Amino acid sequence: MTRYSRAVSSGLLAICLAVLLRPAACQADETDQIAISYVEPESEELRPAYLEIRNREVLEQLRTFLSPLRLPRRLSLQAKQCGSDSKDYQPGGPVIICYEEVRRIAEVLPVENEILLGPGATTGENRGRLRKDDLIVAPIVMITLQKAALAIFDILDVPVWGNAEEAANRLAGYLMTQFGDQVAWKALMGSAWYLAQTTSSGVGTDFYYVRDPEAHQFYGILCMAYASDPKSFGFLVRNLDIPGTRVEKCTEDFVRVQQAFDATILPHVDQLLLQKVRAMPWLPDIKRK
């Protein structure tokens, strides 16, 4: 049996994207359950990635917004040079965000400050616009949610049957649907755009069995987006971004993740503190240090 879970605190980690989209210091009850650190990279090539994530205060905000969780032991969040594109979470270890991951995101960014998603190949329908800042933030949020979820469910000792990484991907997609409407759209579509640049994804008859892990993740995010709000994300079906044969299964997956969250994670959340965290304002600018 693999240690993991199907769900994480939707309101709790939803705040993460709000903070990262408009990053600055927040005020909240501190918790000694969560330790953070930024390790300066040895490679000068990774220094821009280090500054990007540090100046956005990603770990500080995660520490604040994870505070409604009541954990039996400390969780460590660490940003560092990994020597590889990613560092998998290891049970009992820290959540590690690699500067190489941040660099990889920067490498696929468009030249333009804003991009148009579309037009769709089937309907010619435009999907909307994303700013370059959204295209930086959304993948960082996606990666962070995946790794934080694995760590939290390891700490809470919640078992999961099946592939933990796939469950983490579904969970991250579900969590992003729990943000406010506009933020959720940016998070989901920004993450999907990034994955589309880095995978061999393509339209198929049943993407549930796509072998490329990132392509599987790409389709999973689209699936969660549509199931969470068929009206706002209906273009994903009309343009065949999600094959028609898969639409019903998307809804089933979404409901399963939602039910698992309610059953396994919600009992470990301080509801009063969560309300306080949710009430925090978004502040406008990135700190420059």
Protein backbone atom coordinates (compact mmCIF):
# COMPACT_ATOMS: atom_id res chain seq x y z
CA MET A 1 0.00 0.00 0.00
CA THR A 2 1.35 3.47 -0.87
CA ARG A 3 1.17 6.32 1.65
CA TYR A 4 -0.85 9.12 0.16
CA SER A 5 -4.38 10.44 -0.16
CA ARG A 6 -6.92 11.44 -2.69
CA ALA A 7 -7.52 14.87 -1.28
CA VAL A 8 -6.05 17.83 0.53
CA SER A 9 -7.60 20.84 2.18
CA SER A 10 -9.24 22.70 -0.68
CA GLY A 11 -9.72 26.01 1.06
CA LEU A 12 -6.38 25.69 2.78
CA LEU A 13 -4.09 25.27 -0.21
CA ALA A 14 -6.36 27.24 -2.49
CA ILE A 15 -5.00 30.35 -0.82
CA CYS A 16 -1.53 29.43 -2.10
CA LEU A 17 -2.36 30.46 -5.63
CA ALA A 18 -3.87 33.72 -4.51
CA VAL A 19 -0.67 34.53 -2.68
CA LEU A 20 1.58 33.51 -5.54
CA LEU A 21 -0.40 35.44 -8.10
CA ARG A 22 -0.14 38.56 -5.96
CA PRO A 23 2.76 37.64 -3.70
CA ALA A 24 3.74 39.54 -0.59
CA ALA A 25 3.94 38.98 3.10
CA CYS A 26 0.80 37.97 4.93
CA GLN A 27 -0.03 38.13 8.59
CA ALA A 28 -1.41 35.00 10.21
CA ASP A 29 -0.99 32.78 13.20
CA GLU A 30 2.43 31.19 12.95
CA THR A 31 2.85 27.47 13.36
CA ASP A 32 5.94 25.60 14.45
CA GLN A 33 4.63 22.56 12.58
CA ILE A 34 6.13 23.82 9.32
CA ALA A 35 9.81 24.63 8.76
CA ILE A 36 11.02 26.42 5.61
CA SER A 37 14.38 27.07 4.00
CA TYR A 38 15.85 28.42 0.77
CA VAL A 39 19.23 26.92 -0.04
CA GLU A 40 21.30 29.14 -2.31
CA PRO A 41 22.27 27.26 -5.45
CA GLU A 42 25.87 26.43 -6.23
CA SER A 43 25.22 27.02 -9.91
CA GLU A 44 24.97 30.63 -11.02
CA GLU A 45 22.72 29.47 -13.83
CA LEU A 46 20.07 28.62 -11.24
CA ARG A 47 20.31 31.88 -9.36
CA PRO A 48 17.48 33.55 -11.35
CA ALA A 49 15.20 30.64 -10.43
CA TYR A 50 16.26 30.93 -6.79
CA LEU A 51 15.48 34.66 -6.77
CA GLU A 52 12.17 34.10 -8.54
CA ILE A 53 10.83 31.68 -5.95
CA ARG A 54 12.36 33.51 -2.98
CA ASN A 55 11.10 36.92 -4.06
CA ARG A 56 7.63 35.49 -4.45
CA GLU A 57 7.94 34.21 -0.85
CA VAL A 58 6.51 30.88 -1.91
CA LEU A 59 7.61 28.97 1.17
CA GLU A 60 6.62 31.70 3.61
CA GLN A 61 3.13 31.74 2.17
CA LEU A 62 2.86 27.97 2.17
CA ARG A 63 3.84 27.93 5.83
CA THR A 64 1.17 30.49 6.63
CA PHE A 65 -1.56 28.90 4.62
CA LEU A 66 -0.84 25.36 5.72
CA SER A 67 -1.27 26.52 9.30
CA PRO A 68 -4.93 25.42 9.59
CA LEU A 69 -3.76 21.82 9.28
CA ARG A 70 -3.20 20.01 12.55
CA LEU A 71 -0.27 17.66 11.91
CA PRO A 72 1.20 15.07 14.30
CA ARG A 73 4.76 15.96 13.28
CA ARG A 74 6.69 18.74 11.59
CA LEU A 75 6.56 19.29 7.84
CA SER A 76 9.65 20.77 6.16
CA LEU A 77 9.44 22.83 2.97
CA GLN A 78 12.71 23.40 1.14
CA ALA A 79 13.75 25.10 -2.09
CA LYS A 80 17.13 23.99 -3.42
CA GLN A 81 19.30 22.95 -6.32
CA CYS A 82 18.53 19.29 -6.96
CA GLY A 83 20.90 18.26 -9.75
CA SER A 84 17.91 17.01 -11.74
CA ASP A 85 14.66 18.38 -13.12
CA SER A 86 12.70 17.29 -10.06
CA LYS A 87 12.99 15.68 -6.67
CA ASP A 88 10.35 13.15 -5.68
CA TYR A 89 8.89 13.32 -2.21
CA GLN A 90 10.25 10.62 0.08
CA PRO A 91 8.19 9.47 3.09
CA GLY A 92 9.38 11.22 6.21
CA GLY A 93 11.43 13.73 4.22
CA PRO A 94 10.97 17.37 3.23
CA VAL A 95 8.90 18.78 0.39
CA ILE A 96 11.55 19.95 -2.09
CA ILE A 97 10.91 22.48 -4.82
CA CYS A 98 13.84 22.37 -7.24
CA TYR A 99 15.28 25.47 -8.83
CA GLU A 100 15.64 23.31 -11.93
CA GLU A 101 11.84 23.02 -12.03
CA VAL A 102 11.45 26.78 -11.86
CA ARG A 103 14.07 27.20 -14.60
CA ARG A 104 12.26 24.69 -16.79
CA ILE A 105 9.07 26.71 -16.45
CA ALA A 106 10.91 29.89 -17.46
CA GLU A 107 12.43 28.19 -20.51
CA VAL A 108 9.06 27.57 -22.18
CA LEU A 109 7.53 30.98 -21.50
CA PRO A 110 6.30 32.91 -24.53
CA VAL A 111 8.03 36.10 -25.68
CA GLU A 112 4.76 37.99 -25.45
CA ASN A 113 3.53 39.36 -22.12
CA GLU A 114 0.08 37.93 -22.84
CA ILE A 115 -1.09 34.99 -24.91
CA LEU A 116 -4.41 34.00 -26.43
CA LEU A 117 -5.50 30.41 -25.81
CA GLY A 118 -7.07 29.32 -29.05
CA PRO A 119 -8.66 29.32 -31.44
CA GLY A 120 -9.90 25.76 -31.05
CA ALA A 121 -9.27 23.42 -33.95
CA THR A 122 -12.89 22.23 -34.02
CA THR A 123 -14.94 25.36 -33.30
CA GLY A 124 -12.49 28.22 -33.77
CA GLU A 125 -13.52 29.36 -30.29
CA ASN A 126 -10.97 31.31 -28.29
CA ARG A 127 -10.36 29.96 -24.80
CA GLY A 128 -9.25 33.23 -23.18
CA ARG A 129 -6.02 35.06 -22.33
CA LEU A 130 -3.19 34.45 -19.89
CA ARG A 131 -0.47 36.83 -18.76
CA LYS A 132 3.14 35.71 -18.66
CA ASP A 133 3.04 36.04 -14.87
CA ASP A 134 0.15 33.56 -14.80
CA LEU A 135 2.21 31.14 -16.88
CA ILE A 136 5.02 31.33 -14.33
CA VAL A 137 2.87 31.07 -11.23
CA ALA A 138 0.41 28.36 -12.24
CA PRO A 139 2.97 25.57 -12.81
CA ILE A 140 4.77 26.45 -9.56
CA VAL A 141 1.47 26.14 -7.73
CA MET A 142 0.70 22.85 -9.47
CA ILE A 143 4.09 21.36 -8.56
CA THR A 144 3.89 22.62 -5.00
CA LEU A 145 0.39 21.25 -4.48
CA GLN A 146 1.42 17.83 -5.72
CA LYS A 147 4.41 17.55 -3.41
CA ALA A 148 2.74 19.13 -0.39
CA ALA A 149 -0.19 16.76 -0.79
CA LEU A 150 2.08 13.72 -0.79
CA ALA A 151 3.83 14.95 2.35
CA ILE A 152 0.65 15.81 4.22
CA PHE A 153 -0.93 12.48 3.54
CA ASP A 154 2.24 10.70 4.49
CA ILE A 155 2.26 12.60 7.80
CA LEU A 156 -1.43 11.87 8.40
CA ASP A 157 -0.82 8.23 7.47
CA VAL A 158 -3.74 8.07 5.04
CA PRO A 159 -3.43 5.02 2.75
CA VAL A 160 -4.22 5.05 -0.95
CA TRP A 161 -4.55 2.18 -3.38
CA GLY A 162 -2.95 2.55 -6.80
CA ASN A 163 -0.38 4.94 -8.21
CA ALA A 164 0.40 7.73 -5.74
CA GLU A 165 1.74 10.10 -8.41
CA GLU A 166 -1.43 9.82 -10.47
CA ALA A 167 -3.49 10.41 -7.37
CA ALA A 168 -1.36 13.47 -6.61
CA ASN A 169 -2.00 14.84 -10.08
CA ARG A 170 -5.75 14.43 -9.74
CA LEU A 171 -5.60 16.01 -6.33
CA ALA A 172 -3.64 19.03 -7.53
CA GLY A 173 -6.15 19.55 -10.32
CA TYR A 174 -9.04 19.27 -7.87
CA LEU A 175 -7.48 21.77 -5.47
CA MET A 176 -7.05 24.33 -8.22
CA THR A 177 -10.77 24.10 -8.97
CA GLN A 178 -11.44 25.24 -5.41
CA PHE A 179 -9.92 28.70 -5.92
CA GLY A 180 -12.14 31.64 -6.82
CA ASP A 181 -13.49 31.44 -10.36
CA GLN A 182 -10.96 33.75 -12.05
CA VAL A 183 -8.00 32.42 -10.10
CA ALA A 184 -9.05 28.82 -10.74
CA TRP A 185 -9.25 29.50 -14.46
CA LYS A 186 -5.75 30.98 -14.51
CA ALA A 187 -4.33 28.16 -12.38
CA LEU A 188 -5.86 25.36 -14.40
CA MET A 189 -5.33 26.80 -17.85
CA GLY A 190 -1.86 28.10 -16.98
CA SER A 191 -0.84 24.66 -15.72
CA ALA A 192 -2.35 22.96 -18.75
CA TRP A 193 -0.55 25.37 -21.08
CA TYR A 194 2.77 24.59 -19.41
CA LEU A 195 2.21 20.83 -19.62
CA ALA A 196 1.22 21.17 -23.28
CA GLN A 197 4.63 22.74 -23.97
CA THR A 198 6.52 19.92 -22.26
CA THR A 199 4.61 16.77 -23.23
CA SER A 200 3.59 14.74 -26.25
CA SER A 201 -0.06 15.32 -25.38
CA GLY A 202 -2.63 15.17 -28.12
CA VAL A 203 -6.33 14.51 -28.55
CA GLY A 204 -7.24 10.82 -28.35
CA THR A 205 -10.28 8.64 -27.89
CA ASP A 206 -9.57 7.92 -24.22
CA PHE A 207 -6.73 9.86 -22.65
CA TYR A 208 -7.11 7.99 -19.37
CA TYR A 209 -4.55 5.50 -20.67
CA VAL A 210 -2.01 7.96 -22.07
CA ARG A 211 1.44 6.61 -21.17
CA ASP A 212 3.40 9.85 -20.96
CA PRO A 213 3.03 10.88 -17.27
CA GLU A 214 2.94 14.60 -18.04
CA ALA A 215 0.45 14.10 -20.85
CA HIS A 216 -1.69 12.10 -18.43
CA GLN A 217 -1.41 14.99 -15.99
CA PHE A 218 -2.33 17.48 -18.74
CA TYR A 219 -5.55 15.66 -19.53
CA GLY A 220 -6.30 15.12 -15.85
CA ILE A 221 -6.21 18.87 -15.21
CA LEU A 222 -8.53 19.51 -18.14
CA CYS A 223 -10.83 16.83 -16.80
CA MET A 224 -10.97 18.31 -13.30
CA ALA A 225 -11.54 21.78 -14.73
CA TYR A 226 -14.50 20.71 -16.84
CA ALA A 227 -16.11 18.60 -14.11
CA SER A 228 -15.83 21.44 -11.59
CA ASP A 229 -17.61 23.97 -13.85
CA PRO A 230 -19.03 22.63 -17.14
CA LYS A 231 -20.29 26.09 -18.11
CA SER A 232 -17.00 27.96 -17.74
CA PHE A 233 -14.89 25.10 -19.12
CA GLY A 234 -17.37 23.79 -21.68
CA PHE A 235 -15.03 24.86 -24.48
CA LEU A 236 -12.76 21.94 -23.50
CA VAL A 237 -15.45 19.54 -24.71
CA ARG A 238 -16.65 21.63 -27.66
CA ASN A 239 -13.10 21.88 -29.00
CA LEU A 240 -12.42 18.19 -28.30
CA ASP A 241 -9.62 19.05 -25.87
CA ILE A 242 -11.45 16.44 -23.82
CA PRO A 243 -12.82 13.61 -26.02
CA GLY A 244 -16.57 13.11 -25.73
CA THR A 245 -16.11 9.53 -24.56
CA ARG A 246 -14.24 10.78 -21.50
CA VAL A 247 -16.60 13.50 -20.24
CA GLU A 248 -18.71 11.30 -17.96
CA LYS A 249 -15.60 9.75 -16.42
CA CYS A 250 -14.29 13.23 -15.64
CA THR A 251 -17.30 13.90 -13.43
CA GLU A 252 -16.91 10.56 -11.67
CA ASP A 253 -13.24 11.26 -10.95
CA PHE A 254 -14.02 14.71 -9.59
CA VAL A 255 -16.70 13.42 -7.22
CA ARG A 256 -14.43 10.66 -5.93
CA VAL A 257 -11.63 13.11 -5.12
CA GLN A 258 -14.08 15.49 -3.47
CA GLN A 259 -15.56 12.76 -1.29
CA ALA A 260 -12.12 11.51 -0.31
CA PHE A 261 -11.09 14.99 0.78
CA ASP A 262 -14.15 15.38 2.97
CA ALA A 263 -13.56 11.99 4.58
CA THR A 264 -9.79 12.06 5.11
CA ILE A 265 -8.49 15.62 5.40
CA LEU A 266 -11.25 17.90 6.58
CA PRO A 267 -11.22 16.40 10.10
CA HIS A 268 -7.62 17.62 10.46
CA VAL A 269 -8.35 21.26 9.58
CA ASP A 270 -8.87 24.02 12.14
CA GLN A 271 -11.99 25.62 10.66
CA LEU A 272 -11.72 28.90 12.57
CA LEU A 273 -8.12 29.44 11.51
CA LEU A 274 -9.02 28.45 7.97
CA GLN A 275 -11.63 31.21 7.87
CA LYS A 276 -9.04 33.71 9.05
CA VAL A 277 -6.60 32.60 6.37
CA ARG A 278 -9.27 32.85 3.70
CA ALA A 279 -10.01 36.42 4.75
CA MET A 280 -6.45 37.63 4.11
CA PRO A 281 -6.12 40.29 1.40
CA TRP A 282 -4.12 39.81 -1.77
CA LEU A 283 -1.22 42.21 -1.93
CA PRO A 284 -0.06 43.52 -5.28
CA ASP A 285 3.68 43.35 -5.85
CA ILE A 286 6.54 40.90 -5.76
CA LYS A 287 9.13 41.78 -3.14
CA ARG A 288 12.57 42.48 -4.58
CA LYS A 289 15.40 41.58 -2.23
